[in-house]
Structures are given as C-alpha cells and as structure tokens.
C-alpha atoms as a PDB file:
ATOM      1  CA  MET A   1       8.624 -13.549 -23.821  1.00  0.00           C
ATOM      2  CA  THR A   2       9.515  -9.919 -24.558  1.00  0.00           C
ATOM      3  CA  PHE A   3       6.195  -8.166 -23.913  1.00  0.00           C
ATOM      4  CA  VAL A   4       3.533  -9.083 -21.358  1.00  0.00           C
ATOM      5  CA  ASP A   5      -0.029  -7.791 -21.202  1.00  0.00           C
ATOM      6  CA  THR A   6      -1.079  -8.618 -17.642  1.00  0.00           C
ATOM      7  CA  ASN A   7      -4.707  -8.176 -18.718  1.00  0.00           C
ATOM      8  CA  GLU A   8      -4.371 -11.455 -20.634  1.00  0.00           C
ATOM      9  CA  LEU A   9      -2.960 -13.512 -17.737  1.00  0.00           C
ATOM     10  CA  ASP A  10      -5.056 -15.862 -15.585  1.00  0.00           C
ATOM     11  CA  VAL A  11      -5.860 -14.627 -12.067  1.00  0.00           C
ATOM     12  CA  ARG A  12      -4.727 -16.913  -9.238  1.00  0.00           C
ATOM     13  CA  GLU A  13      -5.397 -16.545  -5.511  1.00  0.00           C
ATOM     14  CA  PRO A  14      -2.431 -17.974  -3.561  1.00  0.00           C
ATOM     15  CA  ARG A  15      -3.854 -16.589  -0.284  1.00  0.00           C
ATOM     16  CA  GLU A  16      -7.294 -15.351   0.650  1.00  0.00           C
ATOM     17  CA  GLY A  17      -7.617 -11.745  -0.494  1.00  0.00           C
ATOM     18  CA  TRP A  18      -4.493 -11.872  -2.702  1.00  0.00           C
ATOM     19  CA  LYS A  19      -5.397 -12.097  -6.392  1.00  0.00           C
ATOM     20  CA  GLY A  20      -2.367 -12.185  -8.639  1.00  0.00           C
ATOM     21  CA  LYS A  21      -1.173 -12.514 -12.179  1.00  0.00           C
ATOM     22  CA  PHE A  22       2.256 -14.078 -12.521  1.00  0.00           C
ATOM     23  CA  PHE A  23       4.971 -14.154 -15.162  1.00  0.00           C
ATOM     24  CA  ARG A  24       8.738 -14.484 -15.284  1.00  0.00           C
ATOM     25  CA  SER A  25      11.908 -13.711 -17.132  1.00  0.00           C
ATOM     26  CA  GLU A  26      15.004 -15.905 -17.022  1.00  0.00           C
ATOM     27  CA  SER A  27      16.254 -14.300 -13.797  1.00  0.00           C
ATOM     28  CA  MET A  28      13.172 -12.663 -12.192  1.00  0.00           C
ATOM     29  CA  GLY A  29       9.616 -13.559 -11.233  1.00  0.00           C
ATOM     30  CA  PHE A  30       6.818 -10.980 -11.221  1.00  0.00           C
ATOM     31  CA  ALA A  31       3.486 -10.860  -9.404  1.00  0.00           C
ATOM     32  CA  TRP A  32       0.848  -8.216 -10.156  1.00  0.00           C
ATOM     33  CA  TYR A  33      -1.414  -8.273  -7.082  1.00  0.00           C
ATOM     34  CA  THR A  34      -4.824  -6.842  -6.268  1.00  0.00           C
ATOM     35  CA  VAL A  35      -5.217  -7.109  -2.492  1.00  0.00           C
ATOM     36  CA  GLU A  36      -8.295  -6.779  -0.272  1.00  0.00           C
ATOM     37  CA  ALA A  37      -8.052  -4.625   2.875  1.00  0.00           C
ATOM     38  CA  GLY A  38      -7.164  -6.816   5.866  1.00  0.00           C
ATOM     39  CA  ALA A  39      -5.547  -9.579   3.794  1.00  0.00           C
ATOM     40  CA  TRP A  40      -2.138 -10.594   5.075  1.00  0.00           C
ATOM     41  CA  ILE A  41       0.899 -12.774   4.472  1.00  0.00           C
ATOM     42  CA  HIS A  42       2.449 -14.339   7.576  1.00  0.00           C
ATOM     43  CA  VAL A  43       6.066 -13.631   8.499  1.00  0.00           C
ATOM     44  CA  HIS A  44       8.239 -15.976   6.454  1.00  0.00           C
ATOM     45  CA  GLN A  45      11.558 -16.035   4.639  1.00  0.00           C
ATOM     46  CA  HIS A  46      13.012 -17.520   1.477  1.00  0.00           C
ATOM     47  CA  SER A  47      16.275 -17.525  -0.435  1.00  0.00           C
ATOM     48  CA  ASN A  48      15.084 -15.034  -3.082  1.00  0.00           C
ATOM     49  CA  ASP A  49      15.682 -11.288  -3.197  1.00  0.00           C
ATOM     50  CA  GLU A  50      12.226  -9.700  -3.171  1.00  0.00           C
ATOM     51  CA  VAL A  51      10.993  -6.166  -3.884  1.00  0.00           C
ATOM     52  CA  TRP A  52       7.462  -4.944  -3.125  1.00  0.00           C
ATOM     53  CA  ILE A  53       6.318  -1.898  -5.117  1.00  0.00           C
ATOM     54  CA  VAL A  54       3.006  -0.336  -4.033  1.00  0.00           C
ATOM     55  CA  VAL A  55       0.970   1.023  -6.934  1.00  0.00           C
ATOM     56  CA  GLU A  56      -2.248   1.880  -5.089  1.00  0.00           C
ATOM     57  CA  GLY A  57      -3.474   1.796  -1.480  1.00  0.00           C
ATOM     58  CA  GLU A  58      -1.401   1.058   1.631  1.00  0.00           C
ATOM     59  CA  LEU A  59       0.477  -2.039   2.718  1.00  0.00           C
ATOM     60  CA  GLU A  60       2.191  -2.490   6.056  1.00  0.00           C
ATOM     61  CA  VAL A  61       5.401  -4.309   5.194  1.00  0.00           C
ATOM     62  CA  THR A  62       7.515  -5.746   8.012  1.00  0.00           C
ATOM     63  CA  VAL A  63      11.115  -6.626   7.182  1.00  0.00           C
ATOM     64  CA  ASP A  64      13.342  -8.169   9.858  1.00  0.00           C
ATOM     65  CA  GLY A  65      11.024  -6.834  12.591  1.00  0.00           C
ATOM     66  CA  ALA A  66      10.805  -3.250  11.267  1.00  0.00           C
ATOM     67  CA  ALA A  67       7.315  -2.223  10.073  1.00  0.00           C
ATOM     68  CA  PHE A  68       6.728   0.419   7.387  1.00  0.00           C
ATOM     69  CA  VAL A  69       3.495   1.718   5.883  1.00  0.00           C
ATOM     70  CA  ALA A  70       4.081   1.760   2.134  1.00  0.00           C
ATOM     71  CA  GLY A  71       1.821   3.831  -0.100  1.00  0.00           C
ATOM     72  CA  PRO A  72       1.826   4.488  -3.845  1.00  0.00           C
ATOM     73  CA  GLY A  73       5.353   4.880  -5.166  1.00  0.00           C
ATOM     74  CA  CYS A  74       6.980   3.222  -2.133  1.00  0.00           C
ATOM     75  CA  ALA A  75       9.074   0.090  -2.359  1.00  0.00           C
ATOM     76  CA  ALA A  76      10.259  -2.397   0.243  1.00  0.00           C
ATOM     77  CA  VAL A  77      13.441  -4.346  -0.484  1.00  0.00           C
ATOM     78  CA  VAL A  78      13.682  -7.731   1.235  1.00  0.00           C
ATOM     79  CA  PRO A  79      17.130  -9.366   1.202  1.00  0.00           C
ATOM     80  CA  PRO A  80      17.381 -13.166   0.888  1.00  0.00           C
ATOM     81  CA  ASP A  81      16.669 -15.221   4.028  1.00  0.00           C
ATOM     82  CA  THR A  82      15.181 -12.208   5.859  1.00  0.00           C
ATOM     83  CA  PRO A  83      11.915 -12.575   7.815  1.00  0.00           C
ATOM     84  CA  HIS A  84       9.124 -10.464   6.304  1.00  0.00           C
ATOM     85  CA  GLY A  85       5.339 -10.207   6.217  1.00  0.00           C
ATOM     86  CA  VAL A  86       2.692  -7.961   4.674  1.00  0.00           C
ATOM     87  CA  LYS A  87      -0.758  -6.709   5.671  1.00  0.00           C
ATOM     88  CA  ALA A  88      -3.112  -4.673   3.472  1.00  0.00           C
ATOM     89  CA  LEU A  89      -4.296  -1.636   5.427  1.00  0.00           C
ATOM     90  CA  THR A  90      -6.582  -0.674   2.515  1.00  0.00           C
ATOM     91  CA  ASP A  91      -7.522  -2.255  -0.779  1.00  0.00           C
ATOM     92  CA  ALA A  92      -4.258  -2.136  -2.691  1.00  0.00           C
ATOM     93  CA  ARG A  93      -2.363  -3.040  -5.825  1.00  0.00           C
ATOM     94  CA  ALA A  94       1.298  -3.999  -5.799  1.00  0.00           C
ATOM     95  CA  ILE A  95       3.999  -5.476  -7.988  1.00  0.00           C
ATOM     96  CA  VAL A  96       6.331  -8.002  -6.385  1.00  0.00           C
ATOM     97  CA  VAL A  97       9.610  -9.014  -8.015  1.00  0.00           C
ATOM     98  CA  ASP A  98      11.630 -12.077  -6.962  1.00  0.00           C
ATOM     99  CA  SER A  99      15.135 -12.915  -8.115  1.00  0.00           C
ATOM    100  CA  PRO A 100      15.653 -15.670  -8.933  1.00  0.00           C
ATOM    101  CA  PRO A 101      12.028 -16.458  -9.825  1.00  0.00           C
ATOM    102  CA  ARG A 102      10.086 -18.647  -7.406  1.00  0.00           C
ATOM    103  CA  ASP A 103       8.387 -21.860  -8.570  1.00  0.00           C
ATOM    104  CA  SER A 104       5.409 -21.501  -6.228  1.00  0.00           C
ATOM    105  CA  ILE A 105       3.719 -18.956  -3.971  1.00  0.00           C
ATOM    106  CA  GLY A 106       1.215 -19.957  -1.317  1.00  0.00           C
ATOM    107  CA  GLY A 107       1.025 -23.467  -2.763  1.00  0.00           C
ATOM    108  CA  VAL A 108       0.242 -22.170  -6.267  1.00  0.00           C
ATOM    109  CA  ASP A 109       2.575 -23.568  -8.952  1.00  0.00           C
ATOM    110  CA  LEU A 110       3.987 -20.695 -11.020  1.00  0.00           C
ATOM    111  CA  THR A 111       6.002 -22.735 -13.517  1.00  0.00           C
END
C-alpha cells in the first residue's frame, strides 16, 4: 500500500471517546484519532516505540511520570517499555505511530 486516503478507512473506537482509523506499513503502524474532551488512556506500557503528534486541540501526555500539555504541532516520543498515558483536555485530533506496528489496540484487532 503506497498511498492511503484516511477518509476511506473504517472508523473504530478502541476506547470510549477515541475514534480512530488505522493502517500500517511493513515496519510502522498508524492511528488517525479524533478524541472527545475528557477521554483518556490509562497508564500502560508496551514494547513498541510510539510517537504522538497533536494535529488539533490539546492532549496531556504523561511519559514515565512527566506530564506535558501537547497542542497542535507538538509531539511526544515514548520509548519502548516506558509507562505512558494520555488525556484529552479538549476535543482533539492526533496521529500516533508505532514501530513495529501493533496487532491490537484497546482490544480492537488491527491486522
């Protein structure tokens, strides 16, 4: 798959308030999220590198105990096996990249 039009992808909701469209390359997984204010992802960790890029709105991203309010144009880099969590302070849109790609998020099969 060389080109992806995210407008043509199915919307999935792996957590309440987190609506995403998912696709992958051979070495990376991508999530295009629309997030409702107040929605959150509990502190967790996994073996993937993960990068959160905020496109619109504000997300509070906590990485290894350090919280940061990320607005449009900000990115949070989460190393493998590092505790992290996210809370939407406003309605927001974000792109999340995992390397290697994950097979599931929030119980939703992405394969």
